[in-house]
Amino acid sequence: MGEDVEKLKQRLPLLDYLRQQNWVARTTGHGSEFVGLCPLHSETRPSFYVNARKNLFYCHGCGQGGDLLRFVQLSRQLSFRQSLAYLQQHEAAPPADPVAVLEQAAAFYQQQLHRYPEALFYLKQRGLYDPAAIQELRIGYAPGGSLRRHLTVQGYSCALLQHLGLLNSRGCDAFYRRIIFPCCQGGRVINLYGRSITAAVAHRFLPSPKGGLYAWEQVQQCPEVILVEGLFDYAVLWQTGFRHVACSLGTHLNTCQFRQLCDRPRTVYLTFDADANGSGQQASQRLAQRLRTQGIATRRVLLPEGHDPNSFFVQGGDAGQFQALLEAAQS
C-alpha cells in the first residue's frame, strides 16, 4: 500500500489539489514555497505554507502539517483509508475536455470586456465600436488575475490550465491586459489570441495549433474571398459590412490554410499590410504565385503605403473607398 500511496501523491501534487479547492497563494521568494490563508482554520494573516518540491504543508497558526493525505484527513475529517479512497476517486474522475475549458475561458473573457473601460477605449482606438459586431465575434478582455479562480471553482485543475497555456509556470493568468479573440473550428474554440493593449506586453496565442483560416467556415462557399493577415483587419471589415473575409493570422499560411483556399475555384483578394519595408506585399506576391499554380485566381489589393485594412478605416476610409481598392486590385 505504501508504494501505491507514494505514486498517488506524485500523480496528484498537493499544490495542484489545493488550487483545485480554490486555495489562493503567493510565492514566498524561495521558488517552490507558497503561502496563503489556512484552509483548516479561520485567520486573517496568511500562515499556511506549502513546499511544492517536497509536497508538504505546514500551518504556523494551527500547527497542523503533513502531506496530501494528511490534509484530506484534516479538511474532510476522514480516516487514512477513507482519505486514500477519496483521492483515488477524485483522480479517477473523467478528464476535462480541453475545448470545454477554452469555451469557458472565452465566455469569461467576454463577460469581462464591458467591465473595463480601458478595453473598450482600446477597441474604439482600433476602429471597433459596434456592440453587435463585438458580440458576434465574441471579443473579450483578459484583465489578469481572475481567470484561474473562475475556472478552479468549476473544478478544473491548475495542472490542466497550465498545460493549455491559460496559466503560466507560476500559476498566474497567462493573458494579462489583452483583448481576446477566440479562434474556432467546427464551431468549437481551439485557441485564443490575446492582443496586448499596452506596448509592454507581447501579443500571443495559446501554445496549441491555430488551426485553419479564421472564420473560414463562413466564407468557404463564397466565390470571392478577401484574405487579411490580422484579426483587427478582419474585425473592422466585418463591422463595415464585408462578410466574405478570412484571416490567415500572419503572412505565412500553414498547410491546412493553403489547402482551404485551394479547395474549389475562387478568386482570392490578398489584402496584406503595405509595410514600409515591403514585407507584407512581398509575402502577398509569393502567396499569389503559389495559389496560381493551383488554379486559384488572385488579386493583390494595394493599400496606401504604411496601412493595413484596420488603419485604413481608422484613418477615415469607408466601405466605398475600400470597395474601389478591391476593384483596382492587381491580378
Foldseek 3Di string as FASTA:
>chain_A
DVVVVVVLCVVPFQVQVVLLVVFDWDAPPPVQKIWGCDLLDDDDDIQWMARRVVQKIAGPPPGDIDHNLSVQCRNVVDDSVVSVVVSVVLVPPDDDDVLVLVVVVLQVQLVCQVVDVLNQVLCVLLVDDDPVLCVVQSKGWDQWDPSSSVVSPVRHTLVSCVVQVCADPRSTGNAHQFIWGFADDPNIGDKIWTHHSDPVDHTDITPDDSAEWGPCVQQLPPQEAEEEADPSLVSNCVVQPDRRYIHQVHLDHDPRHLCSQLVDEHEYEYQYAQEPVRPRVVSVVVSCVVNVVSVYHYFYQDDPHPDGSSVCVSVPHHPVVVVVSVVVTHD
